C-alpha atoms as a PDB file:
ATOM      1  CA  UNK A   1      -3.324  -2.170 -41.237  1.00  0.00           C
ATOM      2  CA  UNK A   2      -4.308  -3.673 -37.943  1.00  0.00           C
ATOM      3  CA  UNK A   3      -4.855  -1.577 -34.984  1.00  0.00           C
ATOM      4  CA  UNK A   4      -5.062  -2.228 -31.247  1.00  0.00           C
ATOM      5  CA  UNK A   5      -6.562  -0.034 -28.564  1.00  0.00           C
ATOM      6  CA  UNK A   6      -5.771  -0.290 -24.912  1.00  0.00           C
ATOM      7  CA  UNK A   7      -9.215   0.895 -23.592  1.00  0.00           C
ATOM      8  CA  UNK A   8     -10.447   1.320 -20.048  1.00  0.00           C
ATOM      9  CA  UNK A   9      -6.982   0.773 -18.315  1.00  0.00           C
ATOM     10  CA  UNK A  10      -6.500   0.511 -14.626  1.00  0.00           C
ATOM     11  CA  UNK A  11      -3.661   2.756 -13.545  1.00  0.00           C
ATOM     12  CA  UNK A  12      -1.374   2.519 -10.521  1.00  0.00           C
ATOM     13  CA  UNK A  13       1.139   5.239  -9.749  1.00  0.00           C
ATOM     14  CA  UNK A  14       4.675   5.275  -8.299  1.00  0.00           C
ATOM     15  CA  UNK A  15       6.710   8.208  -6.812  1.00  0.00           C
ATOM     16  CA  UNK A  16       9.258   8.645  -4.082  1.00  0.00           C
ATOM     17  CA  UNK A  17       9.106   9.852  -0.456  1.00  0.00           C
ATOM     18  CA  UNK A  18      11.695  12.546   0.313  1.00  0.00           C
ATOM     19  CA  UNK A  19      13.918  11.914   3.388  1.00  0.00           C
ATOM     20  CA  UNK A  20      12.806   8.091   3.743  1.00  0.00           C
ATOM     21  CA  UNK A  21      15.820   7.707   5.999  1.00  0.00           C
ATOM     22  CA  UNK A  22      14.804  10.326   8.141  1.00  0.00           C
ATOM     23  CA  UNK A  23      11.447   8.813   8.540  1.00  0.00           C
ATOM     24  CA  UNK A  24      12.932   5.366   9.294  1.00  0.00           C
ATOM     25  CA  UNK A  25      14.747   6.713  12.073  1.00  0.00           C
ATOM     26  CA  UNK A  26      11.571   8.417  13.603  1.00  0.00           C
ATOM     27  CA  UNK A  27       9.378   5.545  13.015  1.00  0.00           C
ATOM     28  CA  UNK A  28      10.873   2.123  13.074  1.00  0.00           C
ATOM     29  CA  UNK A  29      12.087   1.695  16.656  1.00  0.00           C
ATOM     30  CA  UNK A  30       8.799   2.670  17.972  1.00  0.00           C
ATOM     31  CA  UNK A  31       7.321  -0.020  15.744  1.00  0.00           C
ATOM     32  CA  UNK A  32       9.292  -2.561  17.077  1.00  0.00           C
ATOM     33  CA  UNK A  33       8.729  -1.684  20.618  1.00  0.00           C
ATOM     34  CA  UNK A  34       5.044  -2.240  19.866  1.00  0.00           C
ATOM     35  CA  UNK A  35       5.365  -5.683  18.378  1.00  0.00           C
ATOM     36  CA  UNK A  36       4.490  -7.858  21.464  1.00  0.00           C
ATOM     37  CA  UNK A  37       1.086  -6.141  21.466  1.00  0.00           C
ATOM     38  CA  UNK A  38       0.194  -6.352  17.878  1.00  0.00           C
ATOM     39  CA  UNK A  39      -1.415  -8.940  15.900  1.00  0.00           C
ATOM     40  CA  UNK A  40      -3.738  -9.452  12.999  1.00  0.00           C
ATOM     41  CA  UNK A  41      -7.381  -8.576  13.077  1.00  0.00           C
ATOM     42  CA  UNK A  42      -9.697 -11.542  13.408  1.00  0.00           C
ATOM     43  CA  UNK A  43     -11.293 -11.228  10.144  1.00  0.00           C
ATOM     44  CA  UNK A  44      -8.006 -11.288   8.122  1.00  0.00           C
ATOM     45  CA  UNK A  45      -6.784 -14.545   6.642  1.00  0.00           C
ATOM     46  CA  UNK A  46      -3.154 -13.961   7.548  1.00  0.00           C
ATOM     47  CA  UNK A  47      -2.265 -15.018  11.125  1.00  0.00           C
ATOM     48  CA  UNK A  48       1.312 -13.768  11.308  1.00  0.00           C
ATOM     49  CA  UNK A  49       1.370 -10.394  10.272  1.00  0.00           C
ATOM     50  CA  UNK A  50       1.962  -7.625  12.919  1.00  0.00           C
ATOM     51  CA  UNK A  51      -0.323  -4.318  12.080  1.00  0.00           C
ATOM     52  CA  UNK A  52      -1.834  -1.332  13.684  1.00  0.00           C
ATOM     53  CA  UNK A  53      -4.703  -1.452  11.530  1.00  0.00           C
ATOM     54  CA  UNK A  54      -6.900  -1.521  14.456  1.00  0.00           C
ATOM     55  CA  UNK A  55      -5.243   1.105  16.258  1.00  0.00           C
ATOM     56  CA  UNK A  56      -1.741   1.308  17.827  1.00  0.00           C
ATOM     57  CA  UNK A  57      -1.052   0.004  21.378  1.00  0.00           C
ATOM     58  CA  UNK A  58      -1.777   2.504  24.259  1.00  0.00           C
ATOM     59  CA  UNK A  59       1.138   4.421  25.247  1.00  0.00           C
ATOM     60  CA  UNK A  60       3.219   3.188  22.225  1.00  0.00           C
ATOM     61  CA  UNK A  61       1.912   5.103  19.551  1.00  0.00           C
ATOM     62  CA  UNK A  62       4.269   6.388  16.738  1.00  0.00           C
ATOM     63  CA  UNK A  63       2.048   7.655  14.033  1.00  0.00           C
ATOM     64  CA  UNK A  64       0.629  10.530  16.096  1.00  0.00           C
ATOM     65  CA  UNK A  65       1.408  14.008  16.874  1.00  0.00           C
ATOM     66  CA  UNK A  66       4.346  15.391  15.188  1.00  0.00           C
ATOM     67  CA  UNK A  67       5.077  12.255  13.234  1.00  0.00           C
ATOM     68  CA  UNK A  68       1.660  12.318  11.873  1.00  0.00           C
ATOM     69  CA  UNK A  69       2.131  15.899  10.779  1.00  0.00           C
ATOM     70  CA  UNK A  70       5.377  15.173   9.207  1.00  0.00           C
ATOM     71  CA  UNK A  71       4.005  11.912   7.263  1.00  0.00           C
ATOM     72  CA  UNK A  72       1.200  14.150   5.891  1.00  0.00           C
ATOM     73  CA  UNK A  73       3.452  16.636   4.880  1.00  0.00           C
ATOM     74  CA  UNK A  74       5.712  14.078   3.016  1.00  0.00           C
ATOM     75  CA  UNK A  75       2.615  12.267   1.419  1.00  0.00           C
ATOM     76  CA  UNK A  76       1.273  15.727   0.124  1.00  0.00           C
ATOM     77  CA  UNK A  77       4.559  16.471  -1.682  1.00  0.00           C
ATOM     78  CA  UNK A  78       4.593  12.859  -3.219  1.00  0.00           C
ATOM     79  CA  UNK A  79       0.926  13.111  -4.285  1.00  0.00           C
ATOM     80  CA  UNK A  80       1.435  16.262  -5.866  1.00  0.00           C
ATOM     81  CA  UNK A  81       4.062  14.737  -7.944  1.00  0.00           C
ATOM     82  CA  UNK A  82       1.192  12.210  -9.326  1.00  0.00           C
ATOM     83  CA  UNK A  83      -1.686  14.544  -9.904  1.00  0.00           C
ATOM     84  CA  UNK A  84      -1.930  16.693 -12.954  1.00  0.00           C
ATOM     85  CA  UNK A  85      -4.100  19.352 -11.178  1.00  0.00           C
ATOM     86  CA  UNK A  86      -4.027  20.803  -7.765  1.00  0.00           C
ATOM     87  CA  UNK A  87      -5.943  18.772  -5.083  1.00  0.00           C
ATOM     88  CA  UNK A  88      -7.421  18.905  -1.850  1.00  0.00           C
ATOM     89  CA  UNK A  89      -7.484  15.691  -0.088  1.00  0.00           C
ATOM     90  CA  UNK A  90      -7.961  13.880   3.346  1.00  0.00           C
ATOM     91  CA  UNK A  91      -6.838  10.590   4.803  1.00  0.00           C
ATOM     92  CA  UNK A  92     -10.032   8.291   5.739  1.00  0.00           C
ATOM     93  CA  UNK A  93      -9.462   7.223   9.220  1.00  0.00           C
ATOM     94  CA  UNK A  94      -5.679   7.279   9.770  1.00  0.00           C
ATOM     95  CA  UNK A  95      -2.116   5.894   8.563  1.00  0.00           C
ATOM     96  CA  UNK A  96      -1.349   2.558   9.979  1.00  0.00           C
ATOM     97  CA  UNK A  97       1.807   0.260   9.528  1.00  0.00           C
ATOM     98  CA  UNK A  98       2.266  -3.490   8.743  1.00  0.00           C
ATOM     99  CA  UNK A  99       5.270  -5.228  10.054  1.00  0.00           C
ATOM    100  CA  UNK A 100       6.377  -8.388   8.056  1.00  0.00           C
ATOM    101  CA  UNK A 101       8.612 -11.169   9.656  1.00  0.00           C
ATOM    102  CA  UNK A 102       9.817 -14.537   8.040  1.00  0.00           C
ATOM    103  CA  UNK A 103       6.800 -16.133   6.367  1.00  0.00           C
ATOM    104  CA  UNK A 104       4.531 -12.955   6.965  1.00  0.00           C
ATOM    105  CA  UNK A 105       2.026 -12.553   4.205  1.00  0.00           C
ATOM    106  CA  UNK A 106      -1.330 -10.757   3.402  1.00  0.00           C
ATOM    107  CA  UNK A 107      -4.162 -12.188   1.735  1.00  0.00           C
ATOM    108  CA  UNK A 108      -5.816 -10.914  -1.497  1.00  0.00           C
ATOM    109  CA  UNK A 109      -8.032  -8.025  -0.396  1.00  0.00           C
ATOM    110  CA  UNK A 110      -9.185  -4.527  -1.159  1.00  0.00           C
ATOM    111  CA  UNK A 111      -9.783  -1.376   0.643  1.00  0.00           C
ATOM    112  CA  UNK A 112     -13.589  -0.558   0.334  1.00  0.00           C
ATOM    113  CA  UNK A 113     -15.034  -2.784   2.789  1.00  0.00           C
ATOM    114  CA  UNK A 114     -17.498  -0.061   3.882  1.00  0.00           C
ATOM    115  CA  UNK A 115     -19.792   0.806   0.911  1.00  0.00           C
ATOM    116  CA  UNK A 116     -20.759   3.939   2.543  1.00  0.00           C
ATOM    117  CA  UNK A 117     -17.475   5.377   3.261  1.00  0.00           C
ATOM    118  CA  UNK A 118     -16.174   7.137   0.309  1.00  0.00           C
ATOM    119  CA  UNK A 119     -12.415   6.422  -0.559  1.00  0.00           C
ATOM    120  CA  UNK A 120     -10.787   7.259  -3.965  1.00  0.00           C
ATOM    121  CA  UNK A 121      -7.366   6.147  -3.553  1.00  0.00           C
ATOM    122  CA  UNK A 122      -4.941   3.897  -1.324  1.00  0.00           C
ATOM    123  CA  UNK A 123      -1.275   4.219  -0.703  1.00  0.00           C
ATOM    124  CA  UNK A 124       1.340   1.874   0.392  1.00  0.00           C
ATOM    125  CA  UNK A 125       4.844   3.742   1.443  1.00  0.00           C
ATOM    126  CA  UNK A 126       7.815   1.209   1.446  1.00  0.00           C
ATOM    127  CA  UNK A 127       9.410   2.528   4.556  1.00  0.00           C
ATOM    128  CA  UNK A 128      11.711  -0.440   5.534  1.00  0.00           C
ATOM    129  CA  UNK A 129      12.352  -2.690   2.379  1.00  0.00           C
ATOM    130  CA  UNK A 130      14.862  -4.937   0.968  1.00  0.00           C
ATOM    131  CA  UNK A 131      14.238  -5.265  -2.787  1.00  0.00           C
ATOM    132  CA  UNK A 132      16.544  -8.373  -2.782  1.00  0.00           C
ATOM    133  CA  UNK A 133      14.649 -10.318  -0.411  1.00  0.00           C
ATOM    134  CA  UNK A 134      11.243  -8.834   0.228  1.00  0.00           C
ATOM    135  CA  UNK A 135       8.202  -9.283  -1.888  1.00  0.00           C
ATOM    136  CA  UNK A 136       6.267  -6.256  -3.126  1.00  0.00           C
ATOM    137  CA  UNK A 137       2.514  -5.860  -3.264  1.00  0.00           C
ATOM    138  CA  UNK A 138       0.874  -7.919  -6.342  1.00  0.00           C
ATOM    139  CA  UNK A 139      -2.249  -6.395  -7.744  1.00  0.00           C
ATOM    140  CA  UNK A 140      -5.002  -8.581  -9.208  1.00  0.00           C
ATOM    141  CA  UNK A 141      -6.663  -7.928 -12.629  1.00  0.00           C
ATOM    142  CA  UNK A 142     -10.063  -6.709 -11.437  1.00  0.00           C
ATOM    143  CA  UNK A 143     -11.921  -8.348 -14.530  1.00  0.00           C
ATOM    144  CA  UNK A 144      -9.937 -11.764 -14.529  1.00  0.00           C
ATOM    145  CA  UNK A 145     -12.984 -13.916 -13.846  1.00  0.00           C
ATOM    146  CA  UNK A 146     -14.629 -12.213 -16.872  1.00  0.00           C
ATOM    147  CA  UNK A 147     -11.509 -12.621 -18.965  1.00  0.00           C
ATOM    148  CA  UNK A 148     -11.922 -16.317 -18.556  1.00  0.00           C
ATOM    149  CA  UNK A 149     -15.227 -16.237 -20.533  1.00  0.00           C
ATOM    150  CA  UNK A 150     -13.058 -14.910 -23.501  1.00  0.00           C
ATOM    151  CA  UNK A 151      -9.610 -15.004 -25.155  1.00  0.00           C
ATOM    152  CA  UNK A 152      -6.419 -12.613 -24.624  1.00  0.00           C
ATOM    153  CA  UNK A 153      -3.875 -12.590 -27.549  1.00  0.00           C
ATOM    154  CA  UNK A 154      -0.569 -14.012 -26.333  1.00  0.00           C
ATOM    155  CA  UNK A 155       0.846 -10.755 -27.101  1.00  0.00           C
ATOM    156  CA  UNK A 156      -1.527  -8.789 -24.886  1.00  0.00           C
ATOM    157  CA  UNK A 157      -1.474 -11.223 -22.046  1.00  0.00           C
ATOM    158  CA  UNK A 158       0.274  -9.916 -18.950  1.00  0.00           C
ATOM    159  CA  UNK A 159      -1.225 -12.340 -16.531  1.00  0.00           C
ATOM    160  CA  UNK A 160      -3.799 -12.161 -13.639  1.00  0.00           C
ATOM    161  CA  UNK A 161      -1.316 -10.449 -11.419  1.00  0.00           C
ATOM    162  CA  UNK A 162       0.754  -7.097 -11.933  1.00  0.00           C
ATOM    163  CA  UNK A 163       3.921  -7.420  -9.674  1.00  0.00           C
ATOM    164  CA  UNK A 164       5.041  -3.570  -8.577  1.00  0.00           C
ATOM    165  CA  UNK A 165       8.908  -3.236  -8.744  1.00  0.00           C
ATOM    166  CA  UNK A 166       9.701  -1.142  -5.977  1.00  0.00           C
ATOM    167  CA  UNK A 167      12.576   0.060  -3.781  1.00  0.00           C
ATOM    168  CA  UNK A 168      12.532   1.339  -0.059  1.00  0.00           C
ATOM    169  CA  UNK A 169      11.258   4.814  -0.115  1.00  0.00           C
ATOM    170  CA  UNK A 170       8.814   4.205  -2.788  1.00  0.00           C
ATOM    171  CA  UNK A 171       5.131   5.112  -2.586  1.00  0.00           C
ATOM    172  CA  UNK A 172       2.386   3.132  -4.523  1.00  0.00           C
ATOM    173  CA  UNK A 173      -1.002   4.825  -5.117  1.00  0.00           C
ATOM    174  CA  UNK A 174      -3.778   2.825  -6.705  1.00  0.00           C
ATOM    175  CA  UNK A 175      -7.711   2.706  -6.814  1.00  0.00           C
ATOM    176  CA  UNK A 176      -8.936   1.421  -3.513  1.00  0.00           C
ATOM    177  CA  UNK A 177     -11.115  -1.215  -5.289  1.00  0.00           C
ATOM    178  CA  UNK A 178      -8.013  -2.882  -6.767  1.00  0.00           C
ATOM    179  CA  UNK A 179      -7.393  -6.178  -5.108  1.00  0.00           C
ATOM    180  CA  UNK A 180      -3.677  -6.765  -4.100  1.00  0.00           C
ATOM    181  CA  UNK A 181      -1.514  -9.279  -1.760  1.00  0.00           C
ATOM    182  CA  UNK A 182       1.653  -9.729  -0.341  1.00  0.00           C
ATOM    183  CA  UNK A 183       3.313 -13.292  -0.665  1.00  0.00           C
ATOM    184  CA  UNK A 184       5.307 -14.728   2.211  1.00  0.00           C
ATOM    185  CA  UNK A 185       8.532 -13.009   3.087  1.00  0.00           C
ATOM    186  CA  UNK A 186      11.859 -14.599   3.235  1.00  0.00           C
ATOM    187  CA  UNK A 187      14.683 -14.083   5.981  1.00  0.00           C
ATOM    188  CA  UNK A 188      16.101 -10.510   6.186  1.00  0.00           C
ATOM    189  CA  UNK A 189      18.017  -8.514   8.484  1.00  0.00           C
ATOM    190  CA  UNK A 190      16.023  -5.531   7.363  1.00  0.00           C
ATOM    191  CA  UNK A 191      12.327  -5.568   8.388  1.00  0.00           C
ATOM    192  CA  UNK A 192       9.605  -5.266   5.916  1.00  0.00           C
ATOM    193  CA  UNK A 193       7.581  -2.173   7.238  1.00  0.00           C
ATOM    194  CA  UNK A 194       4.957  -0.581   5.199  1.00  0.00           C
ATOM    195  CA  UNK A 195       2.861   2.292   6.002  1.00  0.00           C
ATOM    196  CA  UNK A 196      -0.599   2.524   4.397  1.00  0.00           C
ATOM    197  CA  UNK A 197      -3.598   4.793   4.263  1.00  0.00           C
ATOM    198  CA  UNK A 198      -6.718   5.291   2.301  1.00  0.00           C
ATOM    199  CA  UNK A 199      -7.870   9.008   0.988  1.00  0.00           C
ATOM    200  CA  UNK A 200     -10.440  10.796  -0.661  1.00  0.00           C
ATOM    201  CA  UNK A 201     -10.356  13.866  -2.929  1.00  0.00           C
ATOM    202  CA  UNK A 202     -12.154  16.993  -1.785  1.00  0.00           C
ATOM    203  CA  UNK A 203     -11.244  19.177  -4.875  1.00  0.00           C
ATOM    204  CA  UNK A 204      -9.335  18.041  -8.231  1.00  0.00           C
ATOM    205  CA  UNK A 205      -8.256  21.345 -10.072  1.00  0.00           C
END
């Protein structure tokens, strides 16, 4: 009998954020008021993505104070559904939002640009999302270039990208080294707004 072993897998996780509609009511309008003052960082390839990655506009912050406390509470509850042991964790830097309009995209990237800053996992929270129109994050096989020197059996080949099937209110957690991208968006009456954060574990078990 022939056997096959799926060794050294890369794992991503999906869970739900409770009361997502309540969070939308608290956050979306504030994000939209800040749009005229938002842009993409100069070192990003995308040129039409509105983001607070480099900081929210002064006087138009929505991810601070009570909202920040509320989000961290919701994220703690979500992460407890993923981990198999009790954890102590902390966000590295802070939460940021990305606002995608028609044609908005984000190039292939990962979240470990600073090798001296320890980050274990990254998360994407689909705060406002139309699954029938919007495109989800796609994760890139971290050893695809190495696989090019070998051969994968047809029955085992899943492609160079994994497309995460998500709905509004979902949270995806993945290793921060894992490259991912967002393809251009189509037209939708519902804005595609994601909240993202990186975190490190201080205690596991």
